[in-house]
N, C-alpha and C. Protein backbone atom coordinates (compact mmCIF):
# COMPACT_ATOMS: atom_id res chain seq x y z
N MET A 1 -2.48 -11.68 10.59
CA MET A 1 -3.79 -11.11 10.77
C MET A 1 -3.95 -10.72 12.24
N ALA A 2 -4.55 -9.59 12.46
CA ALA A 2 -4.76 -9.10 13.83
C ALA A 2 -5.81 -9.96 14.54
N ASP A 3 -5.64 -10.07 15.85
CA ASP A 3 -6.63 -10.80 16.64
C ASP A 3 -7.98 -10.10 16.56
N LEU A 4 -9.04 -10.89 16.62
CA LEU A 4 -10.39 -10.33 16.60
C LEU A 4 -10.69 -9.54 17.88
N TYR A 5 -10.12 -10.03 18.98
CA TYR A 5 -10.37 -9.43 20.28
C TYR A 5 -9.29 -9.89 21.24
N ASN A 6 -9.21 -9.26 22.38
CA ASN A 6 -8.21 -9.62 23.38
C ASN A 6 -8.74 -10.79 24.21
N SER A 7 -8.24 -11.98 23.92
CA SER A 7 -8.74 -13.16 24.63
C SER A 7 -8.29 -13.20 26.09
N ASN A 8 -7.36 -12.33 26.46
CA ASN A 8 -6.90 -12.27 27.86
C ASN A 8 -7.60 -11.18 28.66
N ALA A 9 -8.53 -10.47 28.04
CA ALA A 9 -9.26 -9.42 28.77
C ALA A 9 -10.06 -10.07 29.89
N PRO A 10 -10.28 -9.34 30.98
CA PRO A 10 -11.02 -9.92 32.10
C PRO A 10 -12.49 -10.19 31.72
N LYS A 11 -13.06 -11.15 32.40
CA LYS A 11 -14.48 -11.48 32.20
C LYS A 11 -15.34 -10.37 32.79
N LYS A 12 -16.51 -10.18 32.21
CA LYS A 12 -17.45 -9.18 32.70
C LYS A 12 -18.85 -9.79 32.71
N ALA A 13 -19.55 -9.63 33.80
CA ALA A 13 -20.91 -10.16 33.91
C ALA A 13 -21.82 -9.43 32.94
N ALA A 14 -22.79 -10.16 32.40
CA ALA A 14 -23.76 -9.58 31.48
C ALA A 14 -25.12 -10.20 31.75
N ASN A 15 -26.15 -9.39 31.69
CA ASN A 15 -27.51 -9.89 31.85
C ASN A 15 -28.07 -10.23 30.48
N LEU A 16 -28.59 -11.44 30.34
CA LEU A 16 -29.13 -11.90 29.06
C LEU A 16 -30.51 -12.49 29.26
N SER A 17 -31.28 -12.42 28.20
CA SER A 17 -32.57 -13.11 28.19
C SER A 17 -32.46 -14.28 27.22
N VAL A 18 -32.85 -15.46 27.69
CA VAL A 18 -32.73 -16.68 26.89
C VAL A 18 -34.05 -17.43 26.96
N ASN A 19 -34.41 -18.06 25.86
CA ASN A 19 -35.60 -18.89 25.82
C ASN A 19 -35.54 -19.88 26.97
N SER A 20 -36.59 -19.94 27.77
CA SER A 20 -36.57 -20.76 28.99
C SER A 20 -36.41 -22.25 28.71
N ASP A 21 -37.03 -22.74 27.65
CA ASP A 21 -36.91 -24.16 27.34
C ASP A 21 -35.50 -24.48 26.85
N LEU A 22 -34.93 -23.59 26.05
CA LEU A 22 -33.56 -23.77 25.59
C LEU A 22 -32.60 -23.79 26.78
N LEU A 23 -32.80 -22.88 27.71
CA LEU A 23 -31.95 -22.82 28.90
C LEU A 23 -32.07 -24.10 29.73
N LYS A 24 -33.29 -24.56 29.93
CA LYS A 24 -33.52 -25.77 30.72
C LYS A 24 -32.83 -26.98 30.09
N LYS A 25 -32.94 -27.10 28.78
CA LYS A 25 -32.35 -28.26 28.09
C LYS A 25 -30.82 -28.19 28.06
N THR A 26 -30.27 -27.02 27.93
CA THR A 26 -28.81 -26.91 27.94
C THR A 26 -28.26 -27.17 29.33
N ARG A 27 -28.95 -26.69 30.34
CA ARG A 27 -28.51 -26.95 31.73
C ARG A 27 -28.59 -28.44 32.05
N ALA A 28 -29.62 -29.11 31.53
CA ALA A 28 -29.78 -30.55 31.77
C ALA A 28 -28.61 -31.34 31.18
N LEU A 29 -28.00 -30.80 30.13
CA LEU A 29 -26.86 -31.46 29.49
C LEU A 29 -25.52 -30.90 29.96
N ASN A 30 -25.58 -30.07 31.01
CA ASN A 30 -24.37 -29.46 31.57
C ASN A 30 -23.53 -28.71 30.54
N ILE A 31 -24.21 -27.99 29.64
CA ILE A 31 -23.52 -27.17 28.64
C ILE A 31 -23.07 -25.88 29.31
N ASN A 32 -21.81 -25.55 29.15
CA ASN A 32 -21.25 -24.34 29.73
C ASN A 32 -21.76 -23.14 28.93
N LEU A 33 -22.66 -22.38 29.53
CA LEU A 33 -23.30 -21.27 28.83
C LEU A 33 -22.30 -20.18 28.45
N SER A 34 -21.41 -19.84 29.35
CA SER A 34 -20.44 -18.78 29.07
C SER A 34 -19.52 -19.16 27.92
N ALA A 35 -18.99 -20.36 27.95
CA ALA A 35 -18.08 -20.80 26.90
C ALA A 35 -18.81 -20.90 25.55
N THR A 36 -20.03 -21.38 25.58
CA THR A 36 -20.81 -21.51 24.36
C THR A 36 -21.14 -20.14 23.77
N LEU A 37 -21.52 -19.21 24.63
CA LEU A 37 -21.81 -17.85 24.16
C LEU A 37 -20.55 -17.20 23.60
N GLU A 38 -19.43 -17.33 24.29
CA GLU A 38 -18.19 -16.74 23.79
C GLU A 38 -17.82 -17.31 22.43
N ARG A 39 -17.96 -18.61 22.26
CA ARG A 39 -17.65 -19.24 20.98
C ARG A 39 -18.58 -18.72 19.88
N ALA A 40 -19.87 -18.61 20.17
CA ALA A 40 -20.83 -18.12 19.18
C ALA A 40 -20.56 -16.66 18.84
N LEU A 41 -20.23 -15.85 19.84
CA LEU A 41 -19.93 -14.44 19.59
C LEU A 41 -18.66 -14.29 18.76
N LYS A 42 -17.65 -15.11 19.05
CA LYS A 42 -16.41 -15.07 18.29
C LYS A 42 -16.66 -15.41 16.82
N GLU A 43 -17.48 -16.44 16.57
CA GLU A 43 -17.81 -16.83 15.20
C GLU A 43 -18.56 -15.71 14.49
N GLU A 44 -19.52 -15.10 15.16
CA GLU A 44 -20.30 -14.02 14.56
C GLU A 44 -19.41 -12.80 14.29
N LEU A 45 -18.53 -12.48 15.23
CA LEU A 45 -17.61 -11.37 15.06
C LEU A 45 -16.71 -11.60 13.85
N ALA A 46 -16.17 -12.80 13.72
CA ALA A 46 -15.30 -13.13 12.59
C ALA A 46 -16.06 -13.01 11.27
N LYS A 47 -17.28 -13.49 11.25
CA LYS A 47 -18.10 -13.42 10.03
C LYS A 47 -18.36 -11.97 9.64
N ARG A 48 -18.70 -11.15 10.60
CA ARG A 48 -19.00 -9.74 10.30
C ARG A 48 -17.75 -8.95 9.94
N GLU A 49 -16.63 -9.25 10.60
CA GLU A 49 -15.37 -8.58 10.26
C GLU A 49 -14.95 -8.93 8.83
N ALA A 50 -15.12 -10.20 8.45
CA ALA A 50 -14.79 -10.62 7.08
C ALA A 50 -15.68 -9.91 6.07
N ALA A 51 -16.96 -9.81 6.37
CA ALA A 51 -17.88 -9.11 5.47
C ALA A 51 -17.53 -7.63 5.37
N ARG A 52 -17.14 -7.03 6.49
CA ARG A 52 -16.74 -5.62 6.49
C ARG A 52 -15.49 -5.42 5.66
N TRP A 53 -14.52 -6.34 5.80
CA TRP A 53 -13.27 -6.24 5.03
C TRP A 53 -13.56 -6.33 3.54
N ILE A 54 -14.41 -7.27 3.16
CA ILE A 54 -14.77 -7.42 1.74
C ILE A 54 -15.43 -6.15 1.23
N ASP A 55 -16.33 -5.60 2.01
CA ASP A 55 -17.02 -4.37 1.62
C ASP A 55 -16.03 -3.22 1.46
N GLU A 56 -15.12 -3.07 2.41
CA GLU A 56 -14.14 -1.98 2.36
C GLU A 56 -13.15 -2.15 1.20
N ASN A 57 -12.92 -3.38 0.77
CA ASN A 57 -11.94 -3.64 -0.28
C ASN A 57 -12.57 -4.06 -1.61
N ARG A 58 -13.88 -3.88 -1.72
CA ARG A 58 -14.60 -4.31 -2.92
C ARG A 58 -14.01 -3.73 -4.20
N SER A 59 -13.67 -2.45 -4.18
CA SER A 59 -13.12 -1.79 -5.37
C SER A 59 -11.79 -2.41 -5.78
N ALA A 60 -10.90 -2.63 -4.82
CA ALA A 60 -9.60 -3.23 -5.12
C ALA A 60 -9.76 -4.66 -5.62
N ILE A 61 -10.67 -5.41 -5.03
CA ILE A 61 -10.92 -6.79 -5.46
C ILE A 61 -11.43 -6.81 -6.89
N ARG A 62 -12.36 -5.91 -7.19
CA ARG A 62 -12.92 -5.82 -8.53
C ARG A 62 -11.82 -5.46 -9.53
N SER A 63 -10.98 -4.49 -9.19
CA SER A 63 -9.89 -4.08 -10.08
C SER A 63 -8.91 -5.23 -10.33
N TYR A 64 -8.57 -5.95 -9.27
CA TYR A 64 -7.65 -7.08 -9.41
C TYR A 64 -8.25 -8.15 -10.31
N ASN A 65 -9.51 -8.48 -10.08
CA ASN A 65 -10.17 -9.50 -10.90
C ASN A 65 -10.23 -9.09 -12.37
N GLU A 66 -10.46 -7.80 -12.64
CA GLU A 66 -10.47 -7.30 -14.02
C GLU A 66 -9.08 -7.41 -14.63
N PHE A 67 -8.05 -7.08 -13.86
CA PHE A 67 -6.68 -7.19 -14.34
C PHE A 67 -6.35 -8.63 -14.71
N VAL A 68 -6.70 -9.56 -13.83
CA VAL A 68 -6.42 -10.98 -14.07
C VAL A 68 -7.18 -11.46 -15.30
N GLU A 69 -8.42 -11.01 -15.48
CA GLU A 69 -9.19 -11.39 -16.66
C GLU A 69 -8.49 -10.93 -17.94
N GLN A 70 -7.96 -9.73 -17.93
CA GLN A 70 -7.32 -9.16 -19.12
C GLN A 70 -5.91 -9.69 -19.34
N HIS A 71 -5.14 -9.86 -18.27
CA HIS A 71 -3.72 -10.16 -18.41
C HIS A 71 -3.31 -11.54 -17.87
N GLY A 72 -4.19 -12.21 -17.18
CA GLY A 72 -3.85 -13.48 -16.56
C GLY A 72 -3.12 -13.27 -15.24
N CYS A 73 -2.82 -14.35 -14.57
CA CYS A 73 -2.12 -14.30 -13.29
C CYS A 73 -0.61 -14.29 -13.52
N PHE A 74 0.08 -13.68 -12.58
CA PHE A 74 1.54 -13.69 -12.62
C PHE A 74 2.02 -15.14 -12.59
N GLY A 75 2.91 -15.46 -13.51
CA GLY A 75 3.48 -16.80 -13.52
C GLY A 75 2.66 -17.83 -14.29
N ASP A 76 1.58 -17.41 -14.95
CA ASP A 76 0.77 -18.37 -15.71
C ASP A 76 1.60 -19.14 -16.73
N GLU A 77 2.58 -18.45 -17.34
CA GLU A 77 3.38 -19.12 -18.38
C GLU A 77 4.25 -20.23 -17.81
N PHE A 78 4.43 -20.28 -16.51
CA PHE A 78 5.26 -21.31 -15.89
C PHE A 78 4.44 -22.46 -15.29
N ARG A 79 3.13 -22.31 -15.30
CA ARG A 79 2.28 -23.35 -14.70
C ARG A 79 2.32 -24.61 -15.52
N GLU A 80 2.32 -25.75 -14.85
CA GLU A 80 2.34 -27.03 -15.53
C GLU A 80 1.07 -27.84 -15.27
N PHE A 81 0.03 -27.18 -14.77
CA PHE A 81 -1.22 -27.90 -14.52
C PHE A 81 -2.37 -27.19 -15.18
């Protein structure tokens, strides 16, 4: 599977607006904002890429599922469970 993004790309500054109380409480706990944001963005990117892949392949998935319903899975006759 291809990487979601280039993890070796250089860092780039970004201006963000964050709830002030949330920011205060995370700073009080020494939470690394950059690392936390990168992790959250990576998770969101993966979720959206997966949803996009499913959408793009919906027809093929539907066809495969219909085939399996009608003919069963390859090797079913050899299954012992």
